[in-house]
């Protein structure tokens, strides 16, 4: 009896140690871009954490699709350490929902960590009435020497109910985002992209993601690309 107990305890400790040696956590652990304009680039930053008691080593990443890029600079993390990477997703010309599952292989274990990514491509966000965004792609570009820092957009609500809004993701590296918290019934709410100093001086592509809740308590996600190009006078 004592021998069986010792064997059982030893087995438990060995199994527990194997699970505790290395581990990976992604925050968020999935990305839902929601409705997106087709043939656009969307972005989302993710935190990768080492949650084990041993060093985490990312052996490789399989993005599954050429439409997904995951540039991970730091691939060796001590226990408790973390790093941030930015997922870029090139939405396809295909209209409809797509789901992808990039794989993160680590510490030469048999299993891999997945990062589910979902998007619903449309050719015109106004086609998904009664709530939509205008414009569905924000062009924050500069033409000539005149610098414009603010670029408005509108969330349109054609329903008879006030629609609450919640910003899920934005990146303030190049701009601040003034985002409304609701849209009145049969009306529209204004938001605004406000370029910061770096944004005024740079060309970039980013996106932001938000949700609204329908009267049936359904959550709908939208992602809006933000693109900046600088076209200065040829003499400069």
Protein backbone atom coordinates (compact mmCIF):
# COMPACT_ATOMS: atom_id res chain seq x y z
CA UNK A 1 0.00 0.00 0.00
CA UNK A 2 2.78 2.40 0.93
CA UNK A 3 4.66 1.56 -2.29
CA UNK A 4 1.56 2.22 -4.41
CA UNK A 5 1.04 5.52 -2.63
CA UNK A 6 4.66 6.54 -3.26
CA UNK A 7 4.33 5.62 -6.96
CA UNK A 8 1.08 7.60 -7.25
CA UNK A 9 2.57 10.68 -5.58
CA UNK A 10 5.72 10.47 -7.70
CA UNK A 11 3.65 10.19 -10.87
CA UNK A 12 1.57 13.19 -9.84
CA UNK A 13 4.67 15.26 -9.15
CA UNK A 14 6.23 14.33 -12.48
CA UNK A 15 3.07 15.23 -14.41
CA UNK A 16 2.64 18.47 -12.45
CA UNK A 17 6.26 19.42 -13.10
CA UNK A 18 5.88 18.81 -16.84
CA UNK A 19 2.89 21.14 -16.99
CA UNK A 20 4.61 23.76 -14.85
CA UNK A 21 7.88 23.88 -16.77
CA UNK A 22 6.78 26.16 -19.59
CA UNK A 23 3.55 27.76 -20.68
CA UNK A 24 2.20 30.46 -22.96
CA UNK A 25 -0.71 32.87 -22.63
CA UNK A 26 -2.02 35.31 -25.23
CA UNK A 27 -3.95 38.45 -24.26
CA UNK A 28 -6.40 38.64 -25.87
CA UNK A 29 -6.63 34.92 -26.61
CA UNK A 30 -8.72 35.56 -29.77
CA UNK A 31 -9.37 38.44 -32.18
CA UNK A 32 -12.77 39.26 -33.62
CA UNK A 33 -12.42 42.09 -36.12
CA UNK A 34 -16.13 41.81 -36.92
CA UNK A 35 -17.36 43.60 -40.02
CA UNK A 36 -14.45 44.95 -42.07
CA UNK A 37 -14.11 46.45 -45.55
CA UNK A 38 -12.80 43.91 -48.04
CA UNK A 39 -9.21 44.30 -49.27
CA UNK A 40 -8.06 46.33 -46.28
CA UNK A 41 -5.36 45.92 -43.64
CA UNK A 42 -6.43 45.49 -40.02
CA UNK A 43 -4.20 45.47 -36.93
CA UNK A 44 -4.36 44.27 -33.34
CA UNK A 45 -1.64 44.19 -30.68
CA UNK A 46 -1.38 41.07 -28.52
CA UNK A 47 0.55 40.40 -25.31
CA UNK A 48 2.44 37.10 -25.19
CA UNK A 49 3.21 35.95 -21.64
CA UNK A 50 5.49 33.24 -20.27
CA UNK A 51 3.41 31.64 -17.51
CA UNK A 52 5.52 28.60 -16.60
CA UNK A 53 8.43 28.06 -14.23
CA UNK A 54 10.90 27.54 -17.05
CA UNK A 55 12.08 29.74 -19.93
CA UNK A 56 9.57 29.97 -22.79
CA UNK A 57 11.08 29.54 -26.25
CA UNK A 58 8.93 30.18 -29.32
CA UNK A 59 10.17 27.66 -31.89
CA UNK A 60 8.04 28.86 -34.80
CA UNK A 61 4.76 30.50 -35.77
CA UNK A 62 2.49 29.16 -38.47
CA UNK A 63 0.19 32.00 -39.61
CA UNK A 64 -1.83 29.49 -41.67
CA UNK A 65 -2.63 32.16 -44.27
CA UNK A 66 -0.53 34.65 -46.24
CA UNK A 67 -3.13 37.24 -45.20
CA UNK A 68 -1.81 37.13 -41.60
CA UNK A 69 1.54 38.52 -40.46
CA UNK A 70 2.87 38.01 -36.92
CA UNK A 71 6.30 39.65 -36.53
CA UNK A 72 7.57 38.44 -33.17
CA UNK A 73 10.92 40.01 -32.26
CA UNK A 74 11.38 38.49 -28.81
CA UNK A 75 11.15 34.69 -28.88
CA UNK A 76 12.84 33.74 -25.61
CA UNK A 77 11.05 34.81 -22.42
CA UNK A 78 11.98 34.15 -18.82
CA UNK A 79 9.22 32.95 -16.47
CA UNK A 80 6.77 35.79 -15.86
CA UNK A 81 8.16 37.87 -18.72
CA UNK A 82 6.06 39.14 -21.63
CA UNK A 83 6.34 40.78 -25.02
CA UNK A 84 3.97 42.56 -27.40
CA UNK A 85 3.49 41.82 -31.08
CA UNK A 86 1.12 43.27 -33.65
CA UNK A 87 -1.04 41.00 -35.78
CA UNK A 88 -1.74 42.36 -39.25
CA UNK A 89 -4.63 40.88 -41.20
CA UNK A 90 -5.21 41.63 -44.88
CA UNK A 91 -8.92 41.18 -45.40
CA UNK A 92 -9.73 39.31 -48.57
CA UNK A 93 -11.82 40.24 -51.59
CA UNK A 94 -14.10 37.37 -50.58
CA UNK A 95 -17.38 38.66 -49.07
CA UNK A 96 -18.47 36.84 -45.94
CA UNK A 97 -17.00 35.44 -42.75
CA UNK A 98 -13.52 33.97 -42.51
CA UNK A 99 -11.87 32.30 -39.51
CA UNK A 100 -8.14 31.63 -39.21
CA UNK A 101 -6.11 29.93 -36.46
CA UNK A 102 -2.40 30.84 -36.38
CA UNK A 103 -0.29 28.39 -34.35
CA UNK A 104 2.50 29.19 -31.88
CA UNK A 105 4.92 26.28 -31.36
CA UNK A 106 7.06 26.47 -28.23
CA UNK A 107 9.62 24.51 -26.21
CA UNK A 108 9.40 21.64 -28.68
CA UNK A 109 6.19 20.34 -27.10
CA UNK A 110 3.67 18.43 -29.18
CA UNK A 111 0.84 20.91 -28.66
CA UNK A 112 0.66 24.46 -30.05
CA UNK A 113 -1.09 27.58 -28.85
CA UNK A 114 -3.76 28.88 -31.22
CA UNK A 115 -4.87 32.47 -31.78
CA UNK A 116 -8.32 32.39 -33.42
CA UNK A 117 -8.90 35.35 -35.77
CA UNK A 118 -12.29 36.12 -37.26
CA UNK A 119 -13.57 38.77 -39.69
CA UNK A 120 -16.60 39.32 -41.88
CA UNK A 121 -15.66 41.02 -45.14
CA UNK A 122 -18.09 43.40 -46.83
CA UNK A 123 -17.69 45.68 -49.83
CA UNK A 124 -19.62 48.54 -48.22
CA UNK A 125 -20.28 48.83 -44.49
CA UNK A 126 -23.48 50.77 -45.22
CA UNK A 127 -24.83 47.52 -46.64
CA UNK A 128 -25.08 46.10 -43.14
CA UNK A 129 -27.76 48.52 -42.02
CA UNK A 130 -29.30 49.59 -39.69
CA UNK A 131 -26.02 50.53 -37.95
CA UNK A 132 -22.95 51.38 -40.02
CA UNK A 133 -19.92 53.67 -40.29
CA UNK A 134 -19.20 56.53 -42.69
CA UNK A 135 -16.59 56.47 -44.11
CA UNK A 136 -15.80 52.81 -43.62
CA UNK A 137 -12.12 53.49 -44.31
CA UNK A 138 -10.56 56.67 -42.86
CA UNK A 139 -8.02 58.29 -45.17
CA UNK A 140 -5.99 60.60 -42.93
CA UNK A 141 -3.65 61.70 -45.69
CA UNK A 142 -1.80 64.96 -46.36
CA UNK A 143 -1.83 66.66 -49.75
CA UNK A 144 0.71 69.44 -50.27
CA UNK A 145 2.11 71.42 -47.38
CA UNK A 146 -1.17 71.92 -45.53
CA UNK A 147 -1.32 69.70 -42.43
CA UNK A 148 -4.74 68.54 -41.28
CA UNK A 149 -4.72 66.85 -37.88
CA UNK A 150 -8.41 65.97 -37.43
CA UNK A 151 -10.46 63.52 -39.48
CA UNK A 152 -14.10 62.91 -38.52
CA UNK A 153 -16.22 59.81 -39.01
CA UNK A 154 -19.84 59.02 -38.22
CA UNK A 155 -21.64 56.01 -36.76
CA UNK A 156 -25.15 55.95 -38.21
CA UNK A 157 -28.10 54.44 -36.35
CA UNK A 158 -31.27 53.87 -38.37
CA UNK A 159 -33.07 52.00 -35.59
CA UNK A 160 -35.69 53.37 -33.18
CA UNK A 161 -33.43 52.62 -30.20
CA UNK A 162 -30.45 54.38 -28.70
CA UNK A 163 -27.43 52.18 -29.41
CA UNK A 164 -24.62 51.95 -26.79
CA UNK A 165 -21.08 51.76 -28.18
CA UNK A 166 -17.89 50.38 -26.67
CA UNK A 167 -14.38 50.87 -27.98
CA UNK A 168 -12.59 47.51 -27.91
CA UNK A 169 -9.21 48.36 -29.38
CA UNK A 170 -7.22 51.30 -30.63
CA UNK A 171 -3.54 52.17 -30.97
CA UNK A 172 -2.44 55.64 -29.88
CA UNK A 173 1.01 55.51 -31.47
CA UNK A 174 0.00 57.89 -34.26
CA UNK A 175 -3.34 59.34 -33.23
CA UNK A 176 -5.84 59.87 -30.45
CA UNK A 177 -9.36 58.62 -30.97
CA UNK A 178 -12.38 60.61 -29.86
CA UNK A 179 -15.07 57.94 -29.76
CA UNK A 180 -18.78 58.35 -28.89
CA UNK A 181 -20.36 56.19 -26.20
CA UNK A 182 -23.78 55.92 -27.86
CA UNK A 183 -25.76 56.76 -30.99
CA UNK A 184 -29.23 58.31 -30.57
CA UNK A 185 -32.18 56.67 -32.31
CA UNK A 186 -32.63 57.65 -35.95
CA UNK A 187 -29.47 59.74 -35.79
CA UNK A 188 -25.70 59.57 -35.99
CA UNK A 189 -22.79 60.13 -33.62
CA UNK A 190 -19.51 61.78 -34.59
CA UNK A 191 -16.09 60.39 -33.79
CA UNK A 192 -12.73 61.85 -34.68
CA UNK A 193 -9.16 60.79 -35.45
CA UNK A 194 -6.71 63.38 -34.07
CA UNK A 195 -3.14 62.92 -35.31
CA UNK A 196 -0.34 63.43 -32.81
CA UNK A 197 3.11 64.79 -33.68
CA UNK A 198 4.38 61.42 -34.86
CA UNK A 199 1.22 60.85 -36.87
CA UNK A 200 1.58 64.18 -38.67
CA UNK A 201 5.14 63.31 -39.67
CA UNK A 202 4.57 59.69 -40.69
CA UNK A 203 2.82 57.47 -43.16
CA UNK A 204 1.07 54.58 -41.44
CA UNK A 205 -1.73 52.04 -41.49
CA UNK A 206 -3.63 51.17 -38.32
CA UNK A 207 -7.19 50.28 -37.34
CA UNK A 208 -9.59 50.41 -34.41
CA UNK A 209 -12.31 48.01 -33.33
CA UNK A 210 -15.58 48.71 -31.51
CA UNK A 211 -18.84 46.98 -30.71
CA UNK A 212 -22.48 47.90 -30.34
CA UNK A 213 -25.21 45.93 -28.60
CA UNK A 214 -28.53 45.41 -30.40
CA UNK A 215 -31.92 45.47 -28.69
CA UNK A 216 -31.74 41.66 -28.68
CA UNK A 217 -28.48 41.84 -26.66
CA UNK A 218 -26.41 40.74 -29.66
CA UNK A 219 -22.84 42.02 -29.82
CA UNK A 220 -21.67 43.28 -33.22
CA UNK A 221 -18.04 44.17 -33.90
CA UNK A 222 -16.67 46.62 -36.47
CA UNK A 223 -13.08 47.40 -37.44
CA UNK A 224 -12.22 50.59 -39.29
CA UNK A 225 -8.88 51.00 -41.12
CA UNK A 226 -6.98 54.27 -40.70
CA UNK A 227 -4.53 55.02 -43.52
CA UNK A 228 -2.18 57.99 -43.89
CA UNK A 229 -0.14 58.87 -46.96
CA UNK A 230 1.84 62.09 -47.40
CA UNK A 231 1.80 63.72 -50.84
CA UNK A 232 3.95 66.84 -50.67
CA UNK A 233 4.54 69.35 -53.43
CA UNK A 234 7.15 68.10 -55.89
CA UNK A 235 9.32 71.16 -55.27
CA UNK A 236 9.85 70.21 -51.59
